[in-house]
Amino acid sequence: MTAIDDTSWTASRPGAAPAEVSPAELREAMGHFATGVTVITSVDASGEPVGTTANAVTSLSLDPPLVLVCFDLTSATLTAIRGHGAFAVNVLGYRQRHLSANFARRGLSAAWDGVTHHRGPTGSPRLADVIAVIECTVEQAFPGGDHEIILGRVRHIETNGAGATPLLFWRGRYASLEGQIPA
């Protein structure tokens, strides 16, 4: 991996200072990058299911099969994953946008009320009727500013997306391939 050295950039441009980008500016710019929407699930130390909505998710490697997921350092789901050592990436379709909103709320113990799910091979909760589930064990974790980057080794996959419309997040709102939809 090539590191960027800000001092060499500014040294070659007399009078130039490194650009300071605010969190709000970065959020605004990244909002122009459409992402899929997932709910990452695991179990806490008492065996209770936990989950959080996430769009900082990507495939990393096909061989070995790896995915990368980023969590806010204060995330209860991150704490559970550290303890359990496994998680499931539940890929949401348009029909599951209510699950995205449900699991996006912090500290809501009622998030699982009425949510149909079952435990998968890693013990992590798999949400019913999502368009794909990718179950992983934690391979490695890395610091990433105010987030932690979890590298997961894929252990089991199930797809159920025939005819499904993916749920997208773009510019702070849910969207579909046909255009924006109400949140």
C-alpha atoms as a PDB file:
ATOM      1  CA  MET A   1       0.000   0.000   0.000  1.00  0.00           C
ATOM      2  CA  THR A   2       1.314   3.444  -0.879  1.00  0.00           C
ATOM      3  CA  ALA A   3       1.106   6.058   1.843  1.00  0.00           C
ATOM      4  CA  ILE A   4       0.483   9.685   1.020  1.00  0.00           C
ATOM      5  CA  ASP A   5       2.994  12.051   2.541  1.00  0.00           C
ATOM      6  CA  ASP A   6       1.309  15.453   2.998  1.00  0.00           C
ATOM      7  CA  THR A   7       4.652  17.116   3.766  1.00  0.00           C
ATOM      8  CA  SER A   8       6.034  16.300   0.310  1.00  0.00           C
ATOM      9  CA  TRP A   9       2.850  17.642  -1.307  1.00  0.00           C
ATOM     10  CA  THR A  10       3.014  20.964   0.526  1.00  0.00           C
ATOM     11  CA  ALA A  11       6.815  21.248   0.143  1.00  0.00           C
ATOM     12  CA  SER A  12       6.441  21.162  -3.644  1.00  0.00           C
ATOM     13  CA  ARG A  13       3.855  23.977  -3.500  1.00  0.00           C
ATOM     14  CA  PRO A  14       5.282  26.993  -1.662  1.00  0.00           C
ATOM     15  CA  GLY A  15       2.668  28.666   0.530  1.00  0.00           C
ATOM     16  CA  ALA A  16       0.264  25.745   0.254  1.00  0.00           C
ATOM     17  CA  ALA A  17      -1.177  24.286   3.422  1.00  0.00           C
ATOM     18  CA  PRO A  18      -2.758  20.865   3.753  1.00  0.00           C
ATOM     19  CA  ALA A  19      -6.468  21.144   3.108  1.00  0.00           C
ATOM     20  CA  GLU A  20      -8.632  20.732   6.180  1.00  0.00           C
ATOM     21  CA  VAL A  21     -11.868  18.940   5.418  1.00  0.00           C
ATOM     22  CA  SER A  22     -14.630  19.028   7.999  1.00  0.00           C
ATOM     23  CA  PRO A  23     -16.639  15.940   8.908  1.00  0.00           C
ATOM     24  CA  ALA A  24     -19.722  17.623   7.437  1.00  0.00           C
ATOM     25  CA  GLU A  25     -17.935  18.260   4.124  1.00  0.00           C
ATOM     26  CA  LEU A  26     -16.743  14.668   3.901  1.00  0.00           C
ATOM     27  CA  ARG A  27     -20.218  13.346   4.771  1.00  0.00           C
ATOM     28  CA  GLU A  28     -21.738  15.589   2.076  1.00  0.00           C
ATOM     29  CA  ALA A  29     -19.245  14.470  -0.575  1.00  0.00           C
ATOM     30  CA  MET A  30     -19.506  10.764   0.301  1.00  0.00           C
ATOM     31  CA  GLY A  31     -23.285  11.080   0.214  1.00  0.00           C
ATOM     32  CA  HIS A  32     -22.948  11.390  -3.552  1.00  0.00           C
ATOM     33  CA  PHE A  33     -21.641   7.820  -3.634  1.00  0.00           C
ATOM     34  CA  ALA A  34     -24.641   5.483  -3.737  1.00  0.00           C
ATOM     35  CA  THR A  35     -24.282   2.424  -1.515  1.00  0.00           C
ATOM     36  CA  GLY A  36     -26.240  -0.657  -0.724  1.00  0.00           C
ATOM     37  CA  VAL A  37     -27.849  -0.927   2.707  1.00  0.00           C
ATOM     38  CA  THR A  38     -27.165  -3.740   5.160  1.00  0.00           C
ATOM     39  CA  VAL A  39     -27.910  -4.681   8.733  1.00  0.00           C
ATOM     40  CA  ILE A  40     -24.891  -6.183  10.465  1.00  0.00           C
ATOM     41  CA  THR A  41     -25.903  -8.625  13.199  1.00  0.00           C
ATOM     42  CA  SER A  42     -24.157 -10.548  15.958  1.00  0.00           C
ATOM     43  CA  VAL A  43     -24.851 -11.619  19.543  1.00  0.00           C
ATOM     44  CA  ASP A  44     -23.767  -9.896  22.728  1.00  0.00           C
ATOM     45  CA  ALA A  45     -22.102 -11.441  25.783  1.00  0.00           C
ATOM     46  CA  SER A  46     -25.474 -12.585  27.153  1.00  0.00           C
ATOM     47  CA  GLY A  47     -26.415 -14.236  23.847  1.00  0.00           C
ATOM     48  CA  GLU A  48     -28.937 -11.562  22.867  1.00  0.00           C
ATOM     49  CA  PRO A  49     -29.076 -10.441  19.227  1.00  0.00           C
ATOM     50  CA  VAL A  50     -27.650  -7.042  18.306  1.00  0.00           C
ATOM     51  CA  GLY A  51     -27.583  -5.229  14.999  1.00  0.00           C
ATOM     52  CA  THR A  52     -26.886  -1.964  13.263  1.00  0.00           C
ATOM     53  CA  THR A  53     -27.590  -0.493   9.853  1.00  0.00           C
ATOM     54  CA  ALA A  54     -24.393  -0.111   7.833  1.00  0.00           C
ATOM     55  CA  ASN A  55     -23.416   1.005   4.367  1.00  0.00           C
ATOM     56  CA  ALA A  56     -19.634   1.003   4.922  1.00  0.00           C
ATOM     57  CA  VAL A  57     -19.443  -2.591   3.691  1.00  0.00           C
ATOM     58  CA  THR A  58     -17.516  -3.994   0.743  1.00  0.00           C
ATOM     59  CA  SER A  59     -16.096  -7.198  -0.630  1.00  0.00           C
ATOM     60  CA  LEU A  60     -12.329  -7.259  -0.277  1.00  0.00           C
ATOM     61  CA  SER A  61     -11.072 -10.545  -1.692  1.00  0.00           C
ATOM     62  CA  LEU A  62     -12.486 -13.530  -3.536  1.00  0.00           C
ATOM     63  CA  ASP A  63      -9.634 -15.860  -2.577  1.00  0.00           C
ATOM     64  CA  PRO A  64      -9.714 -16.033   0.350  1.00  0.00           C
ATOM     65  CA  PRO A  65     -13.301 -14.769   0.598  1.00  0.00           C
ATOM     66  CA  LEU A  66     -13.143 -11.573   2.689  1.00  0.00           C
ATOM     67  CA  VAL A  67     -15.444  -8.639   3.383  1.00  0.00           C
ATOM     68  CA  LEU A  68     -14.719  -5.367   5.128  1.00  0.00           C
ATOM     69  CA  VAL A  69     -17.174  -3.622   7.489  1.00  0.00           C
ATOM     70  CA  CYS A  70     -16.636  -0.336   9.344  1.00  0.00           C
ATOM     71  CA  PHE A  71     -18.192   0.481  12.740  1.00  0.00           C
ATOM     72  CA  ASP A  72     -18.338   3.604  14.870  1.00  0.00           C
ATOM     73  CA  LEU A  73     -16.157   3.011  17.924  1.00  0.00           C
ATOM     74  CA  THR A  74     -19.187   3.496  20.207  1.00  0.00           C
ATOM     75  CA  SER A  75     -21.252   0.833  18.416  1.00  0.00           C
ATOM     76  CA  ALA A  76     -22.825  -1.838  20.632  1.00  0.00           C
ATOM     77  CA  THR A  77     -22.713  -4.146  17.608  1.00  0.00           C
ATOM     78  CA  LEU A  78     -18.943  -3.658  17.332  1.00  0.00           C
ATOM     79  CA  THR A  79     -18.577  -4.572  21.022  1.00  0.00           C
ATOM     80  CA  ALA A  80     -20.646  -7.720  20.443  1.00  0.00           C
ATOM     81  CA  ILE A  81     -18.631  -8.717  17.361  1.00  0.00           C
ATOM     82  CA  ARG A  82     -15.376  -8.322  19.291  1.00  0.00           C
ATOM     83  CA  GLY A  83     -16.719 -10.762  21.906  1.00  0.00           C
ATOM     84  CA  HIS A  84     -18.566 -13.195  19.642  1.00  0.00           C
ATOM     85  CA  GLY A  85     -15.955 -13.252  16.885  1.00  0.00           C
ATOM     86  CA  ALA A  86     -18.581 -13.512  14.150  1.00  0.00           C
ATOM     87  CA  PHE A  87     -21.226 -11.473  12.354  1.00  0.00           C
ATOM     88  CA  ALA A  88     -23.740 -11.599   9.517  1.00  0.00           C
ATOM     89  CA  VAL A  89     -24.127  -9.043   6.732  1.00  0.00           C
ATOM     90  CA  ASN A  90     -27.851  -8.934   5.903  1.00  0.00           C
ATOM     91  CA  VAL A  91     -28.266  -7.226   2.501  1.00  0.00           C
ATOM     92  CA  LEU A  92     -31.548  -5.335   2.356  1.00  0.00           C
ATOM     93  CA  GLY A  93     -33.901  -4.992  -0.569  1.00  0.00           C
ATOM     94  CA  TYR A  94     -36.464  -2.268  -1.145  1.00  0.00           C
ATOM     95  CA  ARG A  95     -39.029  -4.267   0.850  1.00  0.00           C
ATOM     96  CA  GLN A  96     -36.793  -4.168   3.946  1.00  0.00           C
ATOM     97  CA  ARG A  97     -36.256  -0.407   4.219  1.00  0.00           C
ATOM     98  CA  HIS A  98     -38.182  -0.478   7.530  1.00  0.00           C
ATOM     99  CA  LEU A  99     -35.414  -2.717   8.922  1.00  0.00           C
ATOM    100  CA  SER A 100     -32.798  -0.166   7.921  1.00  0.00           C
ATOM    101  CA  ALA A 101     -34.617   2.585   9.814  1.00  0.00           C
ATOM    102  CA  ASN A 102     -35.247   0.256  12.771  1.00  0.00           C
ATOM    103  CA  PHE A 103     -31.603  -0.749  13.234  1.00  0.00           C
ATOM    104  CA  ALA A 104     -30.249   2.762  12.582  1.00  0.00           C
ATOM    105  CA  ARG A 105     -31.595   3.972  15.948  1.00  0.00           C
ATOM    106  CA  ARG A 106     -28.943   3.877  18.677  1.00  0.00           C
ATOM    107  CA  GLY A 107     -29.584   2.147  21.953  1.00  0.00           C
ATOM    108  CA  LEU A 108     -33.048   0.938  21.064  1.00  0.00           C
ATOM    109  CA  SER A 109     -33.534  -2.350  22.883  1.00  0.00           C
ATOM    110  CA  ALA A 110     -36.856  -2.892  21.096  1.00  0.00           C
ATOM    111  CA  ALA A 111     -35.091  -3.085  17.707  1.00  0.00           C
ATOM    112  CA  TRP A 112     -35.691  -6.853  17.587  1.00  0.00           C
ATOM    113  CA  ASP A 113     -39.394  -6.715  18.488  1.00  0.00           C
ATOM    114  CA  GLY A 114     -41.315  -8.236  15.594  1.00  0.00           C
ATOM    115  CA  VAL A 115     -38.153  -8.912  13.542  1.00  0.00           C
ATOM    116  CA  THR A 116     -38.175 -12.466  12.203  1.00  0.00           C
ATOM    117  CA  HIS A 117     -34.725 -14.028  12.325  1.00  0.00           C
ATOM    118  CA  HIS A 118     -32.856 -17.236  13.076  1.00  0.00           C
ATOM    119  CA  ARG A 119     -29.294 -18.121  14.017  1.00  0.00           C
ATOM    120  CA  GLY A 120     -26.964 -19.098  11.209  1.00  0.00           C
ATOM    121  CA  PRO A 121     -23.913 -21.372  11.243  1.00  0.00           C
ATOM    122  CA  THR A 122     -21.780 -18.763  13.072  1.00  0.00           C
ATOM    123  CA  GLY A 123     -24.498 -18.165  15.661  1.00  0.00           C
ATOM    124  CA  SER A 124     -25.179 -14.701  14.279  1.00  0.00           C
ATOM    125  CA  PRO A 125     -28.779 -13.649  13.589  1.00  0.00           C
ATOM    126  CA  ARG A 126     -29.953 -13.906   9.988  1.00  0.00           C
ATOM    127  CA  LEU A 127     -32.863 -11.620   9.142  1.00  0.00           C
ATOM    128  CA  ALA A 128     -35.767 -13.231   7.297  1.00  0.00           C
ATOM    129  CA  ASP A 129     -36.474 -12.398   3.648  1.00  0.00           C
ATOM    130  CA  VAL A 130     -33.392 -10.242   2.997  1.00  0.00           C
ATOM    131  CA  ILE A 131     -31.893 -10.483  -0.486  1.00  0.00           C
ATOM    132  CA  ALA A 132     -28.575 -11.942   0.738  1.00  0.00           C
ATOM    133  CA  VAL A 133     -26.858 -13.012   3.953  1.00  0.00           C
ATOM    134  CA  ILE A 134     -23.080 -13.229   4.251  1.00  0.00           C
ATOM    135  CA  GLU A 135     -21.893 -14.839   7.485  1.00  0.00           C
ATOM    136  CA  CYS A 136     -18.343 -14.153   8.598  1.00  0.00           C
ATOM    137  CA  THR A 137     -15.856 -14.804  11.350  1.00  0.00           C
ATOM    138  CA  VAL A 138     -13.534 -11.987  12.362  1.00  0.00           C
ATOM    139  CA  GLU A 139     -10.206 -12.316  10.593  1.00  0.00           C
ATOM    140  CA  GLN A 140      -8.622  -9.020  11.708  1.00  0.00           C
ATOM    141  CA  ALA A 141      -9.503  -5.580  13.055  1.00  0.00           C
ATOM    142  CA  PHE A 142      -7.827  -2.259  12.256  1.00  0.00           C
ATOM    143  CA  PRO A 143      -8.163   1.262  13.636  1.00  0.00           C
ATOM    144  CA  GLY A 144      -9.770   3.752  11.280  1.00  0.00           C
ATOM    145  CA  GLY A 145     -10.109   7.158  12.945  1.00  0.00           C
ATOM    146  CA  ASP A 146     -13.452   7.276  14.759  1.00  0.00           C
ATOM    147  CA  HIS A 147     -14.274   3.826  13.353  1.00  0.00           C
ATOM    148  CA  GLU A 148     -12.923   0.302  13.557  1.00  0.00           C
ATOM    149  CA  ILE A 149     -12.467  -1.717  10.377  1.00  0.00           C
ATOM    150  CA  ILE A 150     -13.428  -5.370  10.732  1.00  0.00           C
ATOM    151  CA  LEU A 151     -12.120  -7.809   8.164  1.00  0.00           C
ATOM    152  CA  GLY A 152     -14.385 -10.837   8.002  1.00  0.00           C
ATOM    153  CA  ARG A 153     -13.724 -14.227   6.458  1.00  0.00           C
ATOM    154  CA  VAL A 154     -16.852 -15.375   4.670  1.00  0.00           C
ATOM    155  CA  ARG A 155     -18.076 -18.717   6.045  1.00  0.00           C
ATOM    156  CA  HIS A 156     -21.560 -19.017   4.591  1.00  0.00           C
ATOM    157  CA  ILE A 157     -23.635 -17.257   1.928  1.00  0.00           C
ATOM    158  CA  GLU A 158     -27.305 -17.380   1.049  1.00  0.00           C
ATOM    159  CA  THR A 159     -28.990 -15.340  -1.668  1.00  0.00           C
ATOM    160  CA  ASN A 160     -32.689 -14.810  -2.083  1.00  0.00           C
ATOM    161  CA  GLY A 161     -32.759 -11.904  -4.484  1.00  0.00           C
ATOM    162  CA  ALA A 162     -34.577 -13.271  -7.525  1.00  0.00           C
ATOM    163  CA  GLY A 163     -36.704 -10.380  -8.714  1.00  0.00           C
ATOM    164  CA  ALA A 164     -35.737  -8.224  -5.728  1.00  0.00           C
ATOM    165  CA  THR A 165     -35.039  -4.516  -5.984  1.00  0.00           C
ATOM    166  CA  PRO A 166     -31.958  -3.453  -3.991  1.00  0.00           C
ATOM    167  CA  LEU A 167     -32.215  -0.787  -1.321  1.00  0.00           C
ATOM    168  CA  LEU A 168     -29.756   2.040  -1.934  1.00  0.00           C
ATOM    169  CA  PHE A 169     -28.693   5.028   0.146  1.00  0.00           C
ATOM    170  CA  TRP A 170     -27.793   8.192  -1.770  1.00  0.00           C
ATOM    171  CA  ARG A 171     -27.469  11.806  -0.632  1.00  0.00           C
ATOM    172  CA  GLY A 172     -28.953  11.091   2.775  1.00  0.00           C
ATOM    173  CA  ARG A 173     -32.051   9.271   1.519  1.00  0.00           C
ATOM    174  CA  TYR A 174     -33.168   5.838   0.471  1.00  0.00           C
ATOM    175  CA  ALA A 175     -33.232   5.282  -3.259  1.00  0.00           C
ATOM    176  CA  SER A 176     -33.993   2.504  -5.685  1.00  0.00           C
ATOM    177  CA  LEU A 177     -32.789   1.914  -9.187  1.00  0.00           C
ATOM    178  CA  GLU A 178     -35.907   3.707 -10.421  1.00  0.00           C
ATOM    179  CA  GLY A 179     -35.277   6.854  -8.334  1.00  0.00           C
ATOM    180  CA  GLN A 180     -35.712   8.124  -4.793  1.00  0.00           C
ATOM    181  CA  ILE A 181     -38.314   6.646  -2.480  1.00  0.00           C
ATOM    182  CA  PRO A 182     -39.707   8.022   0.785  1.00  0.00           C
ATOM    183  CA  ALA A 183     -37.800   7.149   3.968  1.00  0.00           C
END
